[in-house]
């Protein structure tokens, strides 16, 4: 079910291969598709909404004719996403098994949490961290 109202800030990701990304985020991050994706006539995903925990992430394929490119096409990303979970070690293991590139292994940090970093197969950088409280 879509949060109502939406949070004040929602990440909107562009990727090459949005249908595959929807599946990947579901398997690795537990993302749940809200409704059906809006498909464009050529088969690309024009818009999809995913819930990861209580957070909304929107997603679409690349649309170069509108200046919308994913990080793989641009040679990287300047944005990092943080996902909080009860078991960051397990999420990291699933992510790596599913094709993510590990940047920093999950470890206890000096600021009192446990976290690690990976880049998903679509070029987005994620910090997976233990949920507090």
Foldseek 3Di string as FASTA:
>chain_A
DADVPAPPDEAEAEFAPQVVVQVLCCQQQVWDWDDDFDADPVGWGPWTWIDRPNHIYMYTYADVVVPRYGQVVVVADPDEEEHEDQDQQVSVVRQVVQPWAWDFHWDQDPVGWTWGWTAHPRHHIYIYIYDDD
